[in-house]
Each structure stands twice: as C-alpha cells, then as structure tokens.
C-alpha cells in the first residue's frame, strides 16, 4: 500500500511539474501573440502576402474587406487567397495601434488597429480580430477578421 501511495505521489508530482512548464503567464501569452502578429505583418508590409500564412492553423477561417467577403476555410484555401494578392500589396510601413490580447486557457483573442503608410502617405486604417489557439505548444491563428475602419 505504501508503494502504491508513493508511486501515485511521484506521478502527481511529475504531472504537476509538466503542467507548470506548459503554463505561460498572461504577459508571456500576450507577448507571444503580438510577436506572431508582427511576424505575419512584417511579411505583409514587405509585399509578401503569402508570408502572412506562417501563423495560420490548418483549420483557419478568415474574412476581410479586400476580397474575402465570403468565409475562407482551411490553410490551403487561405494560401490560394493570399497568392491572388501577390504583387498587389505595396511595400509599406505600419504601426499596430491599441492592441489587446485576451487569454482564455489555450485560446487568445487579439484585437488591434493597423495603420499603414507608403512614402509618408497614410493608407486606410484597418481593425482586426485574430483568434489564436495553442496547438502542440505553439500559438496558431484559427480565425482572422480584418475590416476597414469606417470614417
């Protein structure tokens, strides 16, 4: 009986240590999500829309005000959509304005505004909601919705 209790205690200790290693603080998750956003937007602003797909999960869904007014479903469809924008996105500077990340376990919701400029000329501002899910320890976007800010 003592052996069984000792074995169960060791298993509980190992499990709790593994769970602690996989747990990120709210601030660490926020930083990880914003780093993913910047990773994708750095590629986008460099005129590489296909690079935006680097943060997507296989089952991603997406809407925007450019050409994705109908829901895009899945990574392959998303890659095809982004390929259709190749050469249409000018190289530009951008700023992420007022980002907020809300974390609910393995789900995080990032909202932000995207302000761009080409040669000092401001482009139209965008607002975005991107939903991330932790998959095998990595944060992947499972849904994105981008729309123009109505003025």
N, C-alpha and C. Protein backbone atom coordinates (compact mmCIF):
# COMPACT_ATOMS: atom_id res chain seq x y z
N UNK A 1 0.82 -1.19 0.00
CA UNK A 1 0.00 0.00 0.00
C UNK A 1 0.86 1.25 0.00
N UNK A 2 1.96 1.23 0.81
CA UNK A 2 2.86 2.37 0.85
C UNK A 2 3.49 2.59 -0.52
N UNK A 3 3.81 1.50 -1.20
CA UNK A 3 4.41 1.60 -2.53
C UNK A 3 3.43 2.26 -3.51
N UNK A 4 2.18 1.88 -3.44
CA UNK A 4 1.16 2.46 -4.31
C UNK A 4 1.00 3.96 -4.04
N UNK A 5 0.96 4.34 -2.79
CA UNK A 5 0.83 5.77 -2.43
C UNK A 5 2.06 6.53 -2.90
N UNK A 6 3.24 5.96 -2.72
CA UNK A 6 4.47 6.60 -3.16
C UNK A 6 4.47 6.75 -4.69
N UNK A 7 4.07 5.72 -5.39
CA UNK A 7 4.01 5.77 -6.86
C UNK A 7 3.03 6.83 -7.34
N UNK A 8 1.84 6.88 -6.72
CA UNK A 8 0.85 7.90 -7.09
C UNK A 8 1.36 9.30 -6.79
N UNK A 9 2.05 9.46 -5.67
CA UNK A 9 2.61 10.77 -5.31
C UNK A 9 3.65 11.22 -6.34
N UNK A 10 4.51 10.31 -6.75
CA UNK A 10 5.53 10.63 -7.75
C UNK A 10 4.87 11.00 -9.08
N UNK A 11 3.86 10.23 -9.50
CA UNK A 11 3.16 10.54 -10.75
C UNK A 11 2.48 11.91 -10.69
N UNK A 12 1.87 12.24 -9.56
CA UNK A 12 1.22 13.54 -9.41
C UNK A 12 2.25 14.66 -9.47
N UNK A 13 3.41 14.45 -8.86
CA UNK A 13 4.47 15.44 -8.86
C UNK A 13 4.98 15.67 -10.28
N UNK A 14 5.22 14.61 -11.02
CA UNK A 14 5.69 14.71 -12.40
C UNK A 14 4.66 15.44 -13.25
N UNK A 15 3.40 15.07 -13.11
CA UNK A 15 2.33 15.70 -13.88
C UNK A 15 2.23 17.18 -13.57
N UNK A 16 2.30 17.55 -12.30
CA UNK A 16 2.18 18.97 -11.94
C UNK A 16 3.39 19.75 -12.44
N UNK A 17 4.57 19.16 -12.45
CA UNK A 17 5.76 19.83 -12.98
C UNK A 17 5.63 20.05 -14.49
N UNK A 18 5.14 19.05 -15.22
CA UNK A 18 4.93 19.20 -16.65
C UNK A 18 3.90 20.27 -16.94
N UNK A 19 2.83 20.32 -16.16
CA UNK A 19 1.80 21.34 -16.37
C UNK A 19 2.36 22.72 -16.10
N UNK A 20 3.20 22.86 -15.09
CA UNK A 20 3.80 24.16 -14.78
C UNK A 20 4.70 24.62 -15.90
N UNK A 21 5.43 23.70 -16.54
CA UNK A 21 6.31 24.06 -17.64
C UNK A 21 5.51 24.52 -18.85
N UNK A 22 4.31 24.00 -19.07
CA UNK A 22 3.49 24.36 -20.21
C UNK A 22 2.62 25.59 -19.96
N UNK A 23 2.61 26.09 -18.73
CA UNK A 23 1.79 27.23 -18.38
C UNK A 23 2.57 28.51 -18.59
N UNK A 24 1.96 29.43 -19.36
CA UNK A 24 2.57 30.73 -19.59
C UNK A 24 1.80 31.76 -18.78
N UNK A 25 2.47 32.79 -18.35
CA UNK A 25 1.77 33.88 -17.68
C UNK A 25 0.96 34.65 -18.72
N UNK A 26 0.01 35.43 -18.25
CA UNK A 26 -0.80 36.28 -19.12
C UNK A 26 0.12 37.16 -19.98
N UNK A 27 1.12 37.76 -19.36
CA UNK A 27 2.05 38.65 -20.08
C UNK A 27 2.84 37.88 -21.14
N UNK A 28 3.27 36.66 -20.82
CA UNK A 28 4.02 35.86 -21.80
C UNK A 28 3.15 35.50 -22.99
N UNK A 29 1.88 35.17 -22.74
CA UNK A 29 0.97 34.86 -23.84
C UNK A 29 0.74 36.11 -24.70
N UNK A 30 0.50 37.24 -24.06
CA UNK A 30 0.31 38.48 -24.80
C UNK A 30 1.52 38.77 -25.69
N UNK A 31 2.71 38.63 -25.14
CA UNK A 31 3.93 38.87 -25.91
C UNK A 31 4.06 37.88 -27.07
N UNK A 32 3.74 36.62 -26.82
CA UNK A 32 3.82 35.60 -27.87
C UNK A 32 2.83 35.89 -29.00
N UNK A 33 1.61 36.28 -28.65
CA UNK A 33 0.60 36.57 -29.66
C UNK A 33 0.99 37.80 -30.47
N UNK A 34 1.42 38.86 -29.80
CA UNK A 34 1.83 40.06 -30.52
C UNK A 34 3.06 39.80 -31.39
N UNK A 35 3.94 38.92 -30.94
CA UNK A 35 5.10 38.55 -31.78
C UNK A 35 4.63 37.82 -33.03
N UNK A 36 3.62 36.94 -32.90
CA UNK A 36 3.05 36.25 -34.07
C UNK A 36 2.43 37.27 -35.04
N UNK A 37 1.68 38.23 -34.49
CA UNK A 37 1.07 39.27 -35.32
C UNK A 37 2.16 40.03 -36.09
N UNK A 38 3.19 40.45 -35.38
CA UNK A 38 4.28 41.20 -36.04
C UNK A 38 5.00 40.35 -37.08
N UNK A 39 5.18 39.08 -36.78
CA UNK A 39 5.82 38.16 -37.72
C UNK A 39 5.05 38.15 -39.05
N UNK A 40 3.73 38.02 -38.96
CA UNK A 40 2.89 37.99 -40.16
C UNK A 40 2.85 39.36 -40.83
N UNK A 41 2.68 40.40 -40.05
CA UNK A 41 2.54 41.75 -40.61
C UNK A 41 3.85 42.28 -41.18
N UNK A 42 4.97 41.86 -40.63
CA UNK A 42 6.26 42.23 -41.23
C UNK A 42 6.36 41.69 -42.65
N UNK A 43 5.94 40.46 -42.84
CA UNK A 43 5.96 39.86 -44.19
C UNK A 43 4.97 40.58 -45.10
N UNK A 44 3.74 40.82 -44.58
CA UNK A 44 2.70 41.51 -45.35
C UNK A 44 3.21 42.88 -45.81
N UNK A 45 3.77 43.65 -44.88
CA UNK A 45 4.21 45.02 -45.20
C UNK A 45 5.42 45.03 -46.12
N UNK A 46 6.11 43.92 -46.22
CA UNK A 46 7.23 43.80 -47.15
C UNK A 46 6.75 43.41 -48.55
N UNK A 47 5.42 43.34 -48.73
CA UNK A 47 4.85 42.98 -50.03
C UNK A 47 4.78 41.49 -50.25
N UNK A 48 4.81 40.72 -49.17
CA UNK A 48 4.78 39.25 -49.25
C UNK A 48 3.52 38.72 -48.56
N UNK A 49 2.35 38.82 -49.23
CA UNK A 49 1.12 38.36 -48.58
C UNK A 49 1.15 36.88 -48.22
N UNK A 50 1.84 36.06 -49.00
CA UNK A 50 1.90 34.62 -48.70
C UNK A 50 2.57 34.36 -47.35
N UNK A 51 3.48 35.24 -46.95
CA UNK A 51 4.17 35.09 -45.68
C UNK A 51 3.24 35.23 -44.49
N UNK A 52 2.10 35.87 -44.71
CA UNK A 52 1.11 36.04 -43.65
C UNK A 52 0.59 34.68 -43.18
N UNK A 53 0.63 33.68 -44.06
CA UNK A 53 0.10 32.35 -43.73
C UNK A 53 0.95 31.60 -42.70
N UNK A 54 2.12 32.11 -42.39
CA UNK A 54 3.01 31.40 -41.48
C UNK A 54 2.44 31.23 -40.08
N UNK A 55 1.43 32.02 -39.72
CA UNK A 55 0.87 31.94 -38.37
C UNK A 55 -0.44 31.18 -38.31
N UNK A 56 -0.95 30.69 -39.45
CA UNK A 56 -2.27 30.07 -39.50
C UNK A 56 -2.24 28.60 -39.11
N UNK A 57 -3.33 28.16 -38.47
CA UNK A 57 -3.56 26.75 -38.20
C UNK A 57 -4.14 26.11 -39.46
N UNK A 58 -4.11 24.80 -39.53
CA UNK A 58 -4.65 24.09 -40.69
C UNK A 58 -6.14 24.36 -40.90
N UNK A 59 -6.87 24.58 -39.81
CA UNK A 59 -8.33 24.75 -39.91
C UNK A 59 -8.75 26.22 -39.82
N UNK A 60 -7.87 27.14 -40.22
CA UNK A 60 -8.14 28.57 -40.13
C UNK A 60 -9.40 28.96 -40.91
N UNK A 61 -10.11 29.96 -40.41
CA UNK A 61 -11.20 30.63 -41.15
C UNK A 61 -10.86 32.11 -41.18
N UNK A 62 -11.35 32.81 -42.22
CA UNK A 62 -10.90 34.19 -42.42
C UNK A 62 -11.90 34.99 -43.24
N UNK A 63 -12.03 36.28 -42.89
CA UNK A 63 -12.79 37.27 -43.66
C UNK A 63 -11.95 38.53 -43.76
N UNK A 64 -12.15 39.34 -44.81
CA UNK A 64 -11.60 40.69 -44.87
C UNK A 64 -12.39 41.54 -45.85
N UNK A 65 -12.00 42.81 -45.96
CA UNK A 65 -12.69 43.73 -46.86
C UNK A 65 -12.00 43.87 -48.21
N UNK A 66 -10.99 43.06 -48.49
CA UNK A 66 -10.31 43.13 -49.79
C UNK A 66 -11.04 42.23 -50.79
N UNK A 67 -11.07 40.96 -50.52
CA UNK A 67 -11.69 40.02 -51.44
C UNK A 67 -12.25 38.79 -50.76
N UNK A 68 -12.13 38.75 -49.45
CA UNK A 68 -12.59 37.58 -48.70
C UNK A 68 -13.88 37.92 -47.95
N UNK A 69 -14.88 38.41 -48.70
CA UNK A 69 -16.15 38.73 -48.04
C UNK A 69 -16.91 37.45 -47.69
N UNK A 70 -16.68 36.39 -48.46
CA UNK A 70 -17.19 35.07 -48.09
C UNK A 70 -16.09 34.39 -47.26
N UNK A 71 -16.49 33.61 -46.30
CA UNK A 71 -15.53 32.96 -45.39
C UNK A 71 -14.57 32.06 -46.17
N UNK A 72 -13.29 32.21 -45.90
CA UNK A 72 -12.27 31.30 -46.42
C UNK A 72 -12.06 30.24 -45.36
N UNK A 73 -12.03 28.98 -45.76
CA UNK A 73 -11.90 27.89 -44.80
C UNK A 73 -10.71 27.01 -45.14
N UNK A 74 -9.79 26.90 -44.20
CA UNK A 74 -8.66 26.00 -44.32
C UNK A 74 -7.40 26.67 -44.83
N UNK A 75 -6.27 26.11 -44.44
CA UNK A 75 -4.97 26.67 -44.76
C UNK A 75 -4.71 26.71 -46.27
N UNK A 76 -5.06 25.66 -46.99
CA UNK A 76 -4.80 25.64 -48.43
C UNK A 76 -5.62 26.71 -49.15
N UNK A 77 -6.88 26.89 -48.77
CA UNK A 77 -7.71 27.95 -49.37
C UNK A 77 -7.15 29.32 -49.00
N UNK A 78 -6.65 29.46 -47.80
CA UNK A 78 -6.06 30.73 -47.36
C UNK A 78 -4.80 31.03 -48.15
N UNK A 79 -3.97 30.03 -48.37
CA UNK A 79 -2.75 30.23 -49.16
C UNK A 79 -3.10 30.63 -50.60
N UNK A 80 -4.13 30.02 -51.15
CA UNK A 80 -4.56 30.37 -52.52
C UNK A 80 -5.05 31.82 -52.56
N UNK A 81 -5.81 32.22 -51.56
CA UNK A 81 -6.29 33.60 -51.50
C UNK A 81 -5.12 34.58 -51.40
N UNK A 82 -4.18 34.30 -50.52
CA UNK A 82 -3.03 35.18 -50.36
C UNK A 82 -2.19 35.23 -51.64
N UNK A 83 -2.08 34.11 -52.33
CA UNK A 83 -1.34 34.08 -53.61
C UNK A 83 -2.01 35.00 -54.63
N UNK A 84 -3.33 35.13 -54.57
CA UNK A 84 -4.05 36.01 -55.51
C UNK A 84 -3.73 37.48 -55.24
N UNK A 85 -3.18 37.79 -54.07
CA UNK A 85 -2.83 39.17 -53.72
C UNK A 85 -1.37 39.50 -54.03
N UNK A 86 -0.63 38.50 -54.50
CA UNK A 86 0.79 38.68 -54.81
C UNK A 86 0.95 39.83 -55.80
N UNK A 87 1.86 40.76 -55.50
CA UNK A 87 2.11 41.90 -56.36
C UNK A 87 1.12 43.04 -56.19
N UNK A 88 0.10 42.86 -55.37
CA UNK A 88 -0.93 43.89 -55.17
C UNK A 88 -0.78 44.63 -53.85
N UNK A 89 0.06 44.13 -52.97
CA UNK A 89 0.29 44.76 -51.68
C UNK A 89 1.60 45.54 -51.76
N UNK A 90 1.53 46.87 -51.74
CA UNK A 90 2.78 47.63 -51.83
C UNK A 90 3.60 47.52 -50.55
N UNK A 91 4.91 47.62 -50.71
CA UNK A 91 5.79 47.68 -49.55
C UNK A 91 5.42 48.94 -48.77
N UNK A 92 5.27 48.81 -47.47
CA UNK A 92 4.82 49.95 -46.67
C UNK A 92 5.29 49.82 -45.23
N UNK A 93 5.19 50.93 -44.53
CA UNK A 93 5.44 50.95 -43.09
C UNK A 93 4.10 50.73 -42.40
N UNK A 94 4.15 50.22 -41.18
CA UNK A 94 2.90 50.02 -40.44
C UNK A 94 3.12 50.23 -38.96
N UNK A 95 2.01 50.43 -38.30
CA UNK A 95 2.00 50.55 -36.85
C UNK A 95 0.80 49.77 -36.33
N UNK A 96 1.03 48.97 -35.30
CA UNK A 96 -0.07 48.31 -34.59
C UNK A 96 -0.53 49.28 -33.51
N UNK A 97 -1.81 49.63 -33.56
CA UNK A 97 -2.36 50.62 -32.64
C UNK A 97 -3.34 49.95 -31.67
N UNK A 98 -3.18 50.26 -30.39
CA UNK A 98 -4.08 49.83 -29.34
C UNK A 98 -4.35 48.31 -29.34
N UNK A 99 -3.29 47.49 -29.35
CA UNK A 99 -3.52 46.04 -29.32
C UNK A 99 -4.02 45.59 -27.95
N UNK A 100 -4.86 44.58 -27.97
CA UNK A 100 -5.34 43.97 -26.73
C UNK A 100 -5.39 42.47 -26.95
N UNK A 101 -4.86 41.71 -26.00
CA UNK A 101 -4.90 40.25 -26.06
C UNK A 101 -5.66 39.77 -24.84
N UNK A 102 -6.72 39.00 -25.09
CA UNK A 102 -7.50 38.38 -24.01
C UNK A 102 -7.22 36.89 -24.07
N UNK A 103 -6.89 36.29 -22.93
CA UNK A 103 -6.48 34.89 -22.88
C UNK A 103 -7.50 34.08 -22.09
N UNK A 104 -7.90 32.95 -22.68
CA UNK A 104 -8.85 32.03 -22.06
C UNK A 104 -8.29 30.62 -22.20
N UNK A 105 -7.35 30.26 -21.35
CA UNK A 105 -6.72 28.95 -21.44
C UNK A 105 -5.87 28.84 -22.70
N UNK A 106 -6.24 27.91 -23.57
CA UNK A 106 -5.48 27.70 -24.81
C UNK A 106 -6.03 28.52 -25.97
N UNK A 107 -6.87 29.50 -25.68
CA UNK A 107 -7.43 30.40 -26.70
C UNK A 107 -7.03 31.82 -26.33
N UNK A 108 -6.63 32.61 -27.33
CA UNK A 108 -6.32 34.02 -27.12
C UNK A 108 -6.94 34.82 -28.25
N UNK A 109 -7.53 35.95 -27.91
CA UNK A 109 -8.16 36.84 -28.88
C UNK A 109 -7.35 38.13 -28.91
N UNK A 110 -6.88 38.48 -30.10
CA UNK A 110 -6.10 39.69 -30.28
C UNK A 110 -6.92 40.68 -31.12
N UNK A 111 -7.13 41.88 -30.58
CA UNK A 111 -7.78 42.94 -31.34
C UNK A 111 -6.79 44.08 -31.48
N UNK A 112 -6.84 44.75 -32.62
CA UNK A 112 -5.90 45.83 -32.88
C UNK A 112 -6.38 46.68 -34.05
N UNK A 113 -5.72 47.82 -34.21
CA UNK A 113 -5.87 48.59 -35.43
C UNK A 113 -4.52 48.57 -36.14
N UNK A 114 -4.58 48.59 -37.46
CA UNK A 114 -3.40 48.54 -38.32
C UNK A 114 -3.38 49.81 -39.15
N UNK A 115 -2.35 50.63 -38.92
CA UNK A 115 -2.20 51.88 -39.67
C UNK A 115 -0.97 51.74 -40.55
N UNK A 116 -1.14 51.99 -41.83
CA UNK A 116 -0.04 51.84 -42.77
C UNK A 116 0.25 53.17 -43.47
N UNK A 117 1.45 53.26 -44.04
CA UNK A 117 1.81 54.42 -44.85
C UNK A 117 2.83 53.99 -45.90
N UNK A 118 2.69 54.61 -47.07
CA UNK A 118 3.64 54.40 -48.17
C UNK A 118 4.26 55.75 -48.47
N UNK A 119 5.58 55.85 -48.32
CA UNK A 119 6.30 57.11 -48.56
C UNK A 119 5.67 58.27 -47.78
N UNK A 120 5.28 58.02 -46.54
CA UNK A 120 4.71 59.06 -45.70
C UNK A 120 3.23 59.33 -45.94
N UNK A 121 2.65 58.71 -46.93
CA UNK A 121 1.23 58.89 -47.24
C UNK A 121 0.42 57.81 -46.52
N UNK A 122 -0.47 58.22 -45.62
CA UNK A 122 -1.25 57.27 -44.82
C UNK A 122 -2.21 56.48 -45.68
N UNK A 123 -2.28 55.19 -45.41
CA UNK A 123 -3.26 54.32 -46.05
C UNK A 123 -4.50 54.25 -45.18
N UNK A 124 -5.51 53.55 -45.65
CA UNK A 124 -6.73 53.43 -44.84
C UNK A 124 -6.45 52.59 -43.59
N UNK A 125 -6.98 53.00 -42.44
CA UNK A 125 -6.79 52.21 -41.22
C UNK A 125 -7.68 50.97 -41.24
N UNK A 126 -7.16 49.91 -40.66
CA UNK A 126 -7.88 48.63 -40.55
C UNK A 126 -8.09 48.32 -39.08
N UNK A 127 -9.12 47.54 -38.80
CA UNK A 127 -9.31 46.95 -37.47
C UNK A 127 -9.33 45.44 -37.66
N UNK A 128 -8.81 44.75 -36.67
CA UNK A 128 -8.69 43.30 -36.81
C UNK A 128 -9.02 42.59 -35.51
N UNK A 129 -9.58 41.40 -35.68
CA UNK A 129 -9.76 40.46 -34.59
C UNK A 129 -9.15 39.15 -35.06
N UNK A 130 -8.15 38.68 -34.35
CA UNK A 130 -7.49 37.42 -34.67
C UNK A 130 -7.57 36.51 -33.46
N UNK A 131 -8.02 35.29 -33.69
CA UNK A 131 -8.18 34.32 -32.61
C UNK A 131 -7.09 33.26 -32.76
N UNK A 132 -6.37 33.03 -31.69
CA UNK A 132 -5.29 32.05 -31.67
C UNK A 132 -5.66 30.90 -30.75
N UNK A 133 -5.10 29.73 -31.09
CA UNK A 133 -5.25 28.55 -30.24
C UNK A 133 -3.87 27.94 -30.05
N UNK A 134 -3.57 27.52 -28.84
CA UNK A 134 -2.30 26.84 -28.60
C UNK A 134 -2.41 25.42 -29.10
N UNK A 135 -1.58 25.08 -30.06
CA UNK A 135 -1.57 23.76 -30.69
C UNK A 135 -0.16 23.19 -30.53
N UNK A 136 -0.04 22.10 -29.83
CA UNK A 136 1.26 21.47 -29.61
C UNK A 136 2.30 22.48 -29.10
N UNK A 137 1.88 23.35 -28.19
CA UNK A 137 2.79 24.31 -27.58
C UNK A 137 3.03 25.58 -28.37
N UNK A 138 2.47 25.69 -29.58
CA UNK A 138 2.67 26.87 -30.42
C UNK A 138 1.32 27.57 -30.64
N UNK A 139 1.33 28.88 -30.66
CA UNK A 139 0.11 29.64 -30.91
C UNK A 139 -0.10 29.78 -32.40
N UNK A 140 -1.27 29.34 -32.88
CA UNK A 140 -1.62 29.41 -34.31
C UNK A 140 -2.94 30.15 -34.45
N UNK A 141 -3.05 30.96 -35.49
CA UNK A 141 -4.30 31.68 -35.73
C UNK A 141 -5.34 30.72 -36.31
N UNK A 142 -6.50 30.66 -35.66
CA UNK A 142 -7.59 29.81 -36.13
C UNK A 142 -8.70 30.62 -36.78
N UNK A 143 -8.70 31.94 -36.54
CA UNK A 143 -9.67 32.80 -37.22
C UNK A 143 -9.14 34.22 -37.27
N UNK A 144 -9.34 34.85 -38.42
CA UNK A 144 -8.98 36.25 -38.58
C UNK A 144 -10.11 37.00 -39.26
N UNK A 145 -10.34 38.23 -38.84
CA UNK A 145 -11.34 39.08 -39.47
C UNK A 145 -10.78 40.50 -39.49
N UNK A 146 -10.54 40.98 -40.71
CA UNK A 146 -9.96 42.32 -40.92
C UNK A 146 -10.97 43.15 -41.69
N UNK A 147 -11.20 44.38 -41.23
CA UNK A 147 -12.10 45.27 -41.97
C UNK A 147 -11.61 46.71 -41.86
N UNK A 148 -11.96 47.48 -42.86
CA UNK A 148 -11.59 48.89 -42.90
C UNK A 148 -12.34 49.66 -41.82
N UNK A 149 -11.65 50.58 -41.21
CA UNK A 149 -12.28 51.46 -40.23
C UNK A 149 -13.13 52.45 -41.02
N UNK A 150 -14.41 52.50 -40.71
CA UNK A 150 -15.32 53.41 -41.38
C UNK A 150 -15.12 54.81 -40.81
N UNK A 151 -14.92 55.78 -41.67
CA UNK A 151 -14.70 57.16 -41.18
C UNK A 151 -15.90 58.02 -41.47
